[in-house]
Amino acid sequence: MPINIIKRPNGDINKIECENVRLIWTNFAGHEGKYNPAGNRNFNIVLEESDAKMLQDLGLNVKFHEGRDETEPGIYTLQVKINFKSYNPPEVWMKNSHGNAQLDEDSIKMLDPLVSADAVTESWLSFNLNHYEQFTTAYLQKLLVTVQESDYEARFFDEPDSAMNTMTFHKVEKD
């Protein structure tokens, strides 16, 4: 997973870009849960050890989670928060075999079941950093995901729209 740090001319970090990230523990809808207050939208990304160390050095709260048993390796994760109420809300795009769709605050929740079903085959994201007194938080800036549809979904959406081109318009002349 390549990580690219984009800096401003003064040397401060502008944003961090991650390609082919694995998304886990998603809560795009902002549901209340054991580890999440109601309304908080977020997800975690899985990091390689070297990337985890680099982001920790930047002050981000990277966590290590032990495997369930000795056969399962542990993983490093970083939580990325989503704030549509900010002055610069995130831009989220979903791509499938039928094109691209921009998701908004209401439609982003459709990604939760897709990620949990491993239907997201490719992802790219960028996030900016908010520095507080003792910690730094990653806030989503842009997310691009490619979704693999089932065969049924592909056939269903390939049907031509029966209502397409049923309306005709005539030019109205001004008096």
Protein backbone atom coordinates (compact mmCIF):
# COMPACT_ATOMS: atom_id res chain seq x y z
CA MET A 1 0.00 0.00 0.00
CA PRO A 2 1.85 3.11 -1.16
CA ILE A 3 1.55 6.14 1.13
CA ASN A 4 2.33 9.58 -0.25
CA ILE A 5 2.79 12.59 2.03
CA ILE A 6 1.92 15.89 0.33
CA LYS A 7 3.54 18.92 1.93
CA ARG A 8 2.79 22.62 1.70
CA PRO A 9 5.53 25.02 0.57
CA ASN A 10 6.31 25.80 4.23
CA GLY A 11 6.97 22.11 4.93
CA ASP A 12 3.75 21.39 6.86
CA ILE A 13 1.79 18.31 5.85
CA ASN A 14 -1.14 19.17 3.60
CA LYS A 15 -2.54 15.65 3.20
CA ILE A 16 -1.63 11.99 3.14
CA GLU A 17 -2.67 9.76 0.23
CA CYS A 18 -3.03 5.97 0.46
CA GLU A 19 -3.57 3.64 -2.49
CA ASN A 20 -5.05 0.12 -2.41
CA VAL A 21 -5.99 0.35 1.24
CA ARG A 22 -8.05 -2.28 2.98
CA LEU A 23 -11.00 -0.74 4.80
CA ILE A 24 -12.25 -2.43 7.98
CA TRP A 25 -14.59 -1.68 10.87
CA THR A 26 -16.53 0.83 8.81
CA ASN A 27 -19.28 3.03 10.15
CA PHE A 28 -20.15 5.29 7.22
CA ALA A 29 -23.73 5.58 8.51
CA GLY A 30 -22.68 6.85 11.95
CA HIS A 31 -24.59 4.20 13.91
CA GLU A 32 -24.12 3.98 17.65
CA GLY A 33 -22.13 0.95 18.72
CA LYS A 34 -19.89 -0.47 21.40
CA TYR A 35 -16.93 1.61 20.25
CA ASN A 36 -18.77 4.44 18.52
CA PRO A 37 -21.11 7.20 19.76
CA ALA A 38 -24.16 7.89 17.58
CA GLY A 39 -23.41 10.18 14.65
CA ASN A 40 -19.65 9.55 14.50
CA ARG A 41 -18.76 8.35 11.01
CA ASN A 42 -15.43 6.62 10.59
CA PHE A 43 -13.54 3.63 9.29
CA ASN A 44 -10.16 2.01 9.83
CA ILE A 45 -7.46 1.23 7.33
CA VAL A 46 -5.00 -1.65 7.62
CA LEU A 47 -1.35 -0.61 7.45
CA GLU A 48 1.93 -2.35 6.78
CA GLU A 49 4.31 -2.19 9.73
CA SER A 50 6.65 0.31 8.04
CA ASP A 51 3.76 2.61 7.10
CA ALA A 52 2.36 2.31 10.63
CA LYS A 53 5.68 3.44 12.12
CA MET A 54 5.90 6.37 9.69
CA LEU A 55 2.37 7.56 10.57
CA GLN A 56 3.05 7.10 14.29
CA ASP A 57 6.09 9.35 13.89
CA LEU A 58 3.74 12.00 12.48
CA GLY A 59 1.70 11.80 15.69
CA LEU A 60 -1.19 9.68 14.41
CA ASN A 61 -2.83 7.17 16.74
CA VAL A 62 -1.90 3.94 14.96
CA LYS A 63 -2.97 0.84 16.86
CA PHE A 64 -1.72 -2.74 16.79
CA HIS A 65 -4.30 -5.52 17.17
CA GLU A 66 -3.13 -9.02 18.07
CA GLY A 67 -4.38 -11.92 15.95
CA ARG A 68 -7.16 -14.09 17.38
CA ASP A 69 -4.73 -16.98 17.77
CA GLU A 70 -1.10 -17.80 17.00
CA THR A 71 -1.91 -18.67 13.37
CA GLU A 72 -3.44 -15.26 12.61
CA PRO A 73 -1.00 -12.35 12.37
CA GLY A 74 -1.72 -9.06 14.09
CA ILE A 75 -2.58 -5.90 12.15
CA TYR A 76 -1.83 -2.20 12.41
CA THR A 77 -4.81 0.11 11.95
CA LEU A 78 -5.54 3.80 11.70
CA GLN A 79 -8.98 5.27 12.28
CA VAL A 80 -10.08 7.89 9.73
CA LYS A 81 -12.95 10.15 10.77
CA ILE A 82 -15.57 11.51 8.36
CA ASN A 83 -17.04 14.98 8.90
CA PHE A 84 -19.59 16.24 6.38
CA LYS A 85 -20.30 19.30 8.57
CA SER A 86 -16.80 20.76 8.19
CA TYR A 87 -15.91 23.74 6.03
CA ASN A 88 -14.31 21.28 3.61
CA PRO A 89 -16.55 18.16 3.51
CA PRO A 90 -15.06 14.97 2.05
CA GLU A 91 -15.53 13.91 -1.54
CA VAL A 92 -16.55 10.25 -1.88
CA TRP A 93 -16.85 8.39 -5.19
CA MET A 94 -17.98 4.83 -5.87
CA LYS A 95 -17.20 3.11 -9.16
CA ASN A 96 -18.78 -0.06 -10.55
CA SER A 97 -19.26 -1.53 -14.01
CA HIS A 98 -21.99 1.02 -14.73
CA GLY A 99 -20.02 4.16 -14.03
CA ASN A 100 -19.13 6.48 -11.18
CA ALA A 101 -21.39 7.94 -8.52
CA GLN A 102 -20.57 10.63 -6.02
CA LEU A 103 -21.85 9.78 -2.56
CA ASP A 104 -23.10 12.38 -0.12
CA GLU A 105 -23.86 12.41 3.60
CA ASP A 106 -27.01 10.34 3.08
CA SER A 107 -25.83 7.87 0.44
CA ILE A 108 -22.37 7.08 1.89
CA LYS A 109 -23.94 4.56 4.26
CA MET A 110 -24.34 2.18 1.32
CA LEU A 111 -20.61 1.46 1.59
CA ASP A 112 -20.93 -0.27 5.00
CA PRO A 113 -22.40 -3.57 3.72
CA LEU A 114 -20.19 -3.52 0.62
CA VAL A 115 -16.99 -3.29 2.64
CA SER A 116 -18.13 -5.98 5.09
CA ALA A 117 -18.93 -8.30 2.15
CA ASP A 118 -15.46 -7.72 0.63
CA ALA A 119 -17.08 -6.20 -2.46
CA VAL A 120 -14.68 -3.24 -2.45
CA THR A 121 -11.89 -4.37 -4.74
CA GLU A 122 -9.83 -1.19 -4.97
CA SER A 123 -9.64 1.99 -2.92
CA TRP A 124 -7.72 5.23 -2.73
CA LEU A 125 -8.05 7.84 -0.06
CA SER A 126 -6.55 11.05 1.13
CA PHE A 127 -6.88 12.57 4.55
CA ASN A 128 -5.72 15.68 6.29
CA LEU A 129 -4.49 15.98 9.84
CA ASN A 130 -6.02 17.92 12.70
CA HIS A 131 -3.49 18.51 15.46
CA TYR A 132 -4.74 18.78 19.02
CA GLU A 133 -2.67 19.21 22.15
CA GLN A 134 -1.72 15.57 22.62
CA PHE A 135 -2.76 13.75 19.46
CA THR A 136 -3.36 14.04 15.74
CA THR A 137 -6.56 12.87 14.04
CA ALA A 138 -6.98 11.78 10.42
CA TYR A 139 -10.03 13.30 8.68
CA LEU A 140 -11.20 11.99 5.31
CA GLN A 141 -10.64 14.37 2.43
CA LYS A 142 -11.34 12.11 -0.55
CA LEU A 143 -12.27 8.44 -0.96
CA LEU A 144 -12.48 6.54 -4.24
CA VAL A 145 -13.70 2.93 -4.13
CA THR A 146 -14.26 0.34 -6.83
CA VAL A 147 -17.06 -2.12 -6.09
CA GLN A 148 -17.38 -5.60 -7.58
CA GLU A 149 -21.01 -6.41 -8.30
CA SER A 150 -22.55 -9.84 -8.26
CA ASP A 151 -23.55 -11.38 -11.60
CA TYR A 152 -27.20 -10.70 -10.79
CA GLU A 153 -26.56 -7.03 -10.07
CA ALA A 154 -24.65 -6.65 -13.31
CA ARG A 155 -27.51 -8.19 -15.33
CA PHE A 156 -30.14 -6.19 -13.43
CA PHE A 157 -28.50 -2.84 -14.04
CA ASP A 158 -27.67 -3.59 -17.66
CA GLU A 159 -31.37 -3.46 -18.61
CA PRO A 160 -32.20 -0.40 -20.70
CA ASP A 161 -34.39 2.20 -19.02
CA SER A 162 -37.93 1.71 -20.33
CA ALA A 163 -38.87 5.31 -19.56
CA MET A 164 -35.90 6.75 -21.41
CA ASN A 165 -36.74 9.00 -24.35
CA THR A 166 -40.50 8.86 -23.76
CA MET A 167 -40.81 12.60 -23.37
CA THR A 168 -40.32 15.04 -26.19
CA PHE A 169 -39.95 18.76 -25.89
CA HIS A 170 -40.92 21.42 -28.40
CA LYS A 171 -39.41 24.83 -28.66
CA VAL A 172 -41.69 27.51 -27.22
CA GLU A 173 -41.68 30.75 -29.14
CA LYS A 174 -41.81 34.01 -27.19
CA ASP A 175 -44.58 36.43 -28.12
